[in-house]
Amino acid sequence: MPGKVADFLRATELEPAERAALDQGVTVRRGQGYTLRVSTEPEVHRQLLDRCKPLGNATAIPAQRKARREYENRVAALAAETP
């Protein structure tokens, strides 16, 4: 998950499973930002994606919108892999 998405989610109220997934994630530095590698079930990823919907609206910063789109694409690819 992109760092901008992870930062947004850390500032919101989450379910215990979602919070645990974020807390157990591994930070990987990428250029100026970072990526948070989260190993959890696809349904938790979908719940986290639903919670970051405000990052996809027109009032969000363009970098936040892009980060949400990237995460959405990764979650969609993950869903395509699982039967």
C-alpha atoms as a PDB file:
ATOM      1  CA  MET A   1       0.000   0.000   0.000  1.00  0.00           C
ATOM      2  CA  PRO A   2       1.372   3.455  -0.834  1.00  0.00           C
ATOM      3  CA  GLY A   3       2.588   5.520   2.091  1.00  0.00           C
ATOM      4  CA  LYS A   4       0.060   8.314   1.537  1.00  0.00           C
ATOM      5  CA  VAL A   5      -2.764   5.790   1.893  1.00  0.00           C
ATOM      6  CA  ALA A   6      -1.164   4.267   5.000  1.00  0.00           C
ATOM      7  CA  ASP A   7      -0.733   7.717   6.579  1.00  0.00           C
ATOM      8  CA  PHE A   8      -4.385   8.537   5.914  1.00  0.00           C
ATOM      9  CA  LEU A   9      -5.585   5.232   7.363  1.00  0.00           C
ATOM     10  CA  ARG A  10      -3.465   5.604  10.509  1.00  0.00           C
ATOM     11  CA  ALA A  11      -5.325   8.849  11.254  1.00  0.00           C
ATOM     12  CA  THR A  12      -8.779   7.224  10.952  1.00  0.00           C
ATOM     13  CA  GLU A  13     -10.706   4.893  13.227  1.00  0.00           C
ATOM     14  CA  LEU A  14     -10.271   1.297  12.135  1.00  0.00           C
ATOM     15  CA  GLU A  15     -11.563  -2.106  13.157  1.00  0.00           C
ATOM     16  CA  PRO A  16      -9.134  -4.168  15.271  1.00  0.00           C
ATOM     17  CA  ALA A  17      -8.221  -6.466  12.341  1.00  0.00           C
ATOM     18  CA  GLU A  18      -7.528  -3.477  10.087  1.00  0.00           C
ATOM     19  CA  ARG A  19      -5.424  -1.736  12.760  1.00  0.00           C
ATOM     20  CA  ALA A  20      -3.453  -4.938  13.380  1.00  0.00           C
ATOM     21  CA  ALA A  21      -2.731  -5.296   9.651  1.00  0.00           C
ATOM     22  CA  LEU A  22      -1.386  -1.733   9.493  1.00  0.00           C
ATOM     23  CA  ASP A  23       0.669  -2.159  12.653  1.00  0.00           C
ATOM     24  CA  GLN A  24       2.265  -5.373  11.359  1.00  0.00           C
ATOM     25  CA  GLY A  25       3.105  -3.884   7.948  1.00  0.00           C
ATOM     26  CA  VAL A  26       6.728  -3.550   6.849  1.00  0.00           C
ATOM     27  CA  THR A  27       7.898  -0.147   5.616  1.00  0.00           C
ATOM     28  CA  VAL A  28       9.901  -0.146   2.381  1.00  0.00           C
ATOM     29  CA  ARG A  29      11.546   3.120   1.317  1.00  0.00           C
ATOM     30  CA  ARG A  30      10.821   4.126  -2.283  1.00  0.00           C
ATOM     31  CA  GLY A  31      12.491   7.313  -3.545  1.00  0.00           C
ATOM     32  CA  GLN A  32      10.926  10.213  -1.669  1.00  0.00           C
ATOM     33  CA  GLY A  33       8.132   8.170  -0.127  1.00  0.00           C
ATOM     34  CA  TYR A  34       7.534   4.671   1.100  1.00  0.00           C
ATOM     35  CA  THR A  35       5.375   1.613   0.604  1.00  0.00           C
ATOM     36  CA  LEU A  36       3.816  -0.353   3.437  1.00  0.00           C
ATOM     37  CA  ARG A  37       3.779  -4.096   2.793  1.00  0.00           C
ATOM     38  CA  VAL A  38       0.723  -5.516   4.498  1.00  0.00           C
ATOM     39  CA  SER A  39       0.155  -9.272   4.592  1.00  0.00           C
ATOM     40  CA  THR A  40      -3.493  -9.936   5.321  1.00  0.00           C
ATOM     41  CA  GLU A  41      -6.638 -11.410   3.784  1.00  0.00           C
ATOM     42  CA  PRO A  42      -8.074  -9.812   0.616  1.00  0.00           C
ATOM     43  CA  GLU A  43     -11.260  -8.807   2.468  1.00  0.00           C
ATOM     44  CA  VAL A  44      -9.242  -6.679   4.917  1.00  0.00           C
ATOM     45  CA  HIS A  45      -7.563  -4.968   1.962  1.00  0.00           C
ATOM     46  CA  ARG A  46     -10.995  -4.244   0.477  1.00  0.00           C
ATOM     47  CA  GLN A  47     -12.175  -2.815   3.814  1.00  0.00           C
ATOM     48  CA  LEU A  48      -9.096  -0.585   4.010  1.00  0.00           C
ATOM     49  CA  LEU A  49      -9.688   0.538   0.424  1.00  0.00           C
ATOM     50  CA  ASP A  50     -13.292   1.436   1.276  1.00  0.00           C
ATOM     51  CA  ARG A  51     -12.115   3.505   4.236  1.00  0.00           C
ATOM     52  CA  CYS A  52      -9.788   5.600   2.064  1.00  0.00           C
ATOM     53  CA  LYS A  53     -12.527   6.670  -0.387  1.00  0.00           C
ATOM     54  CA  PRO A  54     -12.076  10.358   0.579  1.00  0.00           C
ATOM     55  CA  LEU A  55      -8.671  10.203  -1.128  1.00  0.00           C
ATOM     56  CA  GLY A  56     -10.391   9.561  -4.449  1.00  0.00           C
ATOM     57  CA  ASN A  57     -12.597  12.645  -4.550  1.00  0.00           C
ATOM     58  CA  ALA A  58     -11.887  15.927  -6.322  1.00  0.00           C
ATOM     59  CA  THR A  59     -10.896  17.799  -3.139  1.00  0.00           C
ATOM     60  CA  ALA A  60      -7.987  15.447  -2.402  1.00  0.00           C
ATOM     61  CA  ILE A  61      -4.412  16.295  -3.333  1.00  0.00           C
ATOM     62  CA  PRO A  62      -3.434  14.752  -6.719  1.00  0.00           C
ATOM     63  CA  ALA A  63      -0.712  12.617  -5.096  1.00  0.00           C
ATOM     64  CA  GLN A  64      -3.295  11.181  -2.701  1.00  0.00           C
ATOM     65  CA  ARG A  65      -5.680  10.387  -5.559  1.00  0.00           C
ATOM     66  CA  LYS A  66      -2.876   8.637  -7.440  1.00  0.00           C
ATOM     67  CA  ALA A  67      -1.861   6.669  -4.333  1.00  0.00           C
ATOM     68  CA  ARG A  68      -5.450   5.497  -3.834  1.00  0.00           C
ATOM     69  CA  ARG A  69      -5.725   4.475  -7.503  1.00  0.00           C
ATOM     70  CA  GLU A  70      -2.501   2.474  -7.218  1.00  0.00           C
ATOM     71  CA  TYR A  71      -3.762   0.721  -4.093  1.00  0.00           C
ATOM     72  CA  GLU A  72      -7.106   0.053  -5.774  1.00  0.00           C
ATOM     73  CA  ASN A  73      -5.296  -1.542  -8.737  1.00  0.00           C
ATOM     74  CA  ARG A  74      -3.200  -3.708  -6.396  1.00  0.00           C
ATOM     75  CA  VAL A  75      -6.283  -4.874  -4.492  1.00  0.00           C
ATOM     76  CA  ALA A  76      -8.040  -5.657  -7.795  1.00  0.00           C
ATOM     77  CA  ALA A  77      -5.028  -7.678  -8.957  1.00  0.00           C
ATOM     78  CA  LEU A  78      -4.994  -9.516  -5.639  1.00  0.00           C
ATOM     79  CA  ALA A  79      -8.684 -10.354  -6.028  1.00  0.00           C
ATOM     80  CA  ALA A  80      -8.040 -11.664  -9.549  1.00  0.00           C
ATOM     81  CA  GLU A  81      -5.315 -13.994  -8.229  1.00  0.00           C
ATOM     82  CA  THR A  82      -7.421 -15.563  -5.475  1.00  0.00           C
ATOM     83  CA  PRO A  83     -10.047 -18.111  -6.538  1.00  0.00           C
END
